[in-house]
Amino acid sequence: MDVISESAAPKFHSVGQLSRRATILFDGQVALGKGTYGKGMAAPFHSHKGGEIIHILSGKAVFATRDQEIVASAGMTLHFMPGEEHMLENRWDEPMIMVWIYPEPADAESIKRNWVRIA
């Protein structure tokens, strides 16, 4: 059994978006992380080789694919297929906090490579 403490997990913020943060909680057979998006923080259209599963813990955000747009809020889970382009944006005052899973762990490499490590 592996036990990972969130406090010891690597933390990052997106370049130019200090309140768009990611914590990589597990990086093995899958990648598991926690994301926080403050007001105005956004991820432009992007995709992941292995897809993405997101569960909203608190707050809400606009999520969109090229065909659909929704407001997702606490308690909702979203699944994006491998290669499916999607975006998200928090337009509200309350931070949106989510847990994400990348079934293809290499998808987490872009966070490690392109974001600023803060812990």
Protein backbone atom coordinates (compact mmCIF):
# COMPACT_ATOMS: atom_id res chain seq x y z
CA MET A 1 0.00 0.00 0.00
CA ASP A 2 1.16 3.51 -0.82
CA VAL A 3 -0.03 6.43 1.28
CA ILE A 4 0.32 9.90 -0.16
CA SER A 5 -0.14 13.04 1.88
CA GLU A 6 -1.63 15.99 -0.01
CA SER A 7 0.68 18.30 1.94
CA ALA A 8 3.73 16.49 0.52
CA ALA A 9 2.43 16.23 -3.06
CA PRO A 10 3.94 18.50 -5.75
CA LYS A 11 1.97 21.71 -6.31
CA PHE A 12 1.95 23.98 -9.34
CA HIS A 13 0.28 27.11 -10.65
CA SER A 14 -0.37 27.93 -14.27
CA VAL A 15 1.90 30.55 -15.80
CA GLY A 16 0.24 33.95 -15.36
CA GLN A 17 -2.68 32.48 -13.39
CA LEU A 18 -1.65 32.29 -9.74
CA SER A 19 -5.06 31.05 -8.58
CA ARG A 20 -5.17 28.25 -11.18
CA ARG A 21 -3.45 25.49 -9.24
CA ALA A 22 -2.84 21.79 -9.54
CA THR A 23 -1.61 19.25 -7.02
CA ILE A 24 -0.46 15.90 -8.40
CA LEU A 25 -1.60 13.45 -5.75
CA PHE A 26 -0.65 10.23 -7.56
CA ASP A 27 1.45 9.63 -10.62
CA GLY A 28 1.58 5.90 -11.40
CA GLN A 29 -0.73 3.67 -13.43
CA VAL A 30 -3.01 6.72 -13.68
CA ALA A 31 -2.48 10.34 -12.68
CA LEU A 32 -4.72 11.75 -9.94
CA GLY A 33 -4.76 15.37 -8.96
CA LYS A 34 -6.62 18.21 -7.36
CA GLY A 35 -7.26 21.46 -9.18
CA THR A 36 -8.35 24.88 -7.95
CA TYR A 37 -9.60 27.63 -10.26
CA GLY A 38 -10.12 31.06 -8.74
CA LYS A 39 -12.43 33.64 -10.30
CA GLY A 40 -11.47 34.35 -13.90
CA MET A 41 -9.10 31.40 -14.17
CA ALA A 42 -9.47 29.36 -17.35
CA ALA A 43 -7.98 26.48 -19.29
CA PRO A 44 -8.26 27.05 -23.04
CA PHE A 45 -9.35 24.27 -25.37
CA HIS A 46 -7.02 21.30 -24.95
CA SER A 47 -7.17 17.52 -24.97
CA HIS A 48 -5.51 14.56 -23.28
CA LYS A 49 -4.21 11.43 -24.96
CA GLY A 50 -6.02 9.23 -22.42
CA GLY A 51 -9.03 11.47 -21.71
CA GLU A 52 -9.94 12.99 -18.36
CA ILE A 53 -12.39 12.43 -15.54
CA ILE A 54 -13.23 15.43 -13.34
CA HIS A 55 -15.27 15.48 -10.12
CA ILE A 56 -16.28 18.90 -8.77
CA LEU A 57 -15.81 19.16 -5.00
CA SER A 58 -16.95 22.76 -4.55
CA GLY A 59 -17.85 25.84 -6.55
CA LYS A 60 -18.80 25.78 -10.21
CA ALA A 61 -17.29 26.44 -13.63
CA VAL A 62 -18.22 26.51 -17.29
CA PHE A 63 -17.00 23.41 -19.11
CA ALA A 64 -17.26 23.11 -22.86
CA THR A 65 -16.39 20.81 -25.71
CA ARG A 66 -16.55 21.89 -29.33
CA ASP A 67 -20.22 20.75 -29.33
CA GLN A 68 -21.58 21.43 -25.85
CA GLU A 69 -21.30 23.87 -22.93
CA ILE A 70 -22.52 23.36 -19.35
CA VAL A 71 -22.13 24.86 -15.90
CA ALA A 72 -20.81 22.09 -13.67
CA SER A 73 -21.11 22.40 -9.90
CA ALA A 74 -20.25 20.52 -6.73
CA GLY A 75 -21.17 16.84 -6.89
CA MET A 76 -21.01 16.55 -10.68
CA THR A 77 -18.57 14.30 -12.55
CA LEU A 78 -17.49 14.92 -16.14
CA HIS A 79 -15.80 12.49 -18.51
CA PHE A 80 -13.88 13.62 -21.57
CA MET A 81 -12.96 10.94 -24.09
CA PRO A 82 -9.35 10.49 -25.26
CA GLY A 83 -8.48 13.35 -27.61
CA GLU A 84 -11.76 15.23 -26.95
CA GLU A 85 -11.08 18.96 -26.87
CA HIS A 86 -12.49 20.73 -23.83
CA MET A 87 -12.07 23.94 -21.85
CA LEU A 88 -13.13 25.33 -18.50
CA GLU A 89 -13.52 28.73 -16.89
CA ASN A 90 -14.56 29.91 -13.44
CA ARG A 91 -16.75 33.00 -13.86
CA TRP A 92 -17.84 33.18 -10.22
CA ASP A 93 -16.36 34.60 -7.01
CA GLU A 94 -16.08 31.22 -5.25
CA PRO A 95 -13.11 29.04 -6.22
CA MET A 96 -13.95 25.86 -8.09
CA ILE A 97 -12.16 22.86 -6.61
CA MET A 98 -12.04 19.54 -8.43
CA VAL A 99 -10.35 16.17 -8.46
CA TRP A 100 -9.12 14.95 -11.83
CA ILE A 101 -7.94 11.61 -13.19
CA TYR A 102 -5.84 11.10 -16.29
CA PRO A 103 -6.12 7.43 -17.28
CA GLU A 104 -2.93 7.99 -19.33
CA PRO A 105 -0.42 9.12 -16.66
CA ALA A 106 1.84 10.79 -19.25
CA ASP A 107 -0.87 13.45 -19.63
CA ALA A 108 0.29 14.94 -16.30
CA GLU A 109 3.69 15.70 -17.84
CA SER A 110 2.39 18.96 -19.34
CA ILE A 111 1.67 20.26 -15.83
CA LYS A 112 5.16 19.32 -14.65
CA ARG A 113 6.79 20.76 -17.75
CA ASN A 114 4.76 23.95 -18.37
CA TRP A 115 3.45 25.07 -14.98
CA VAL A 116 5.37 26.76 -12.15
CA ARG A 117 6.18 24.47 -9.23
CA ILE A 118 5.26 26.05 -5.90
CA ALA A 119 5.98 23.23 -3.46
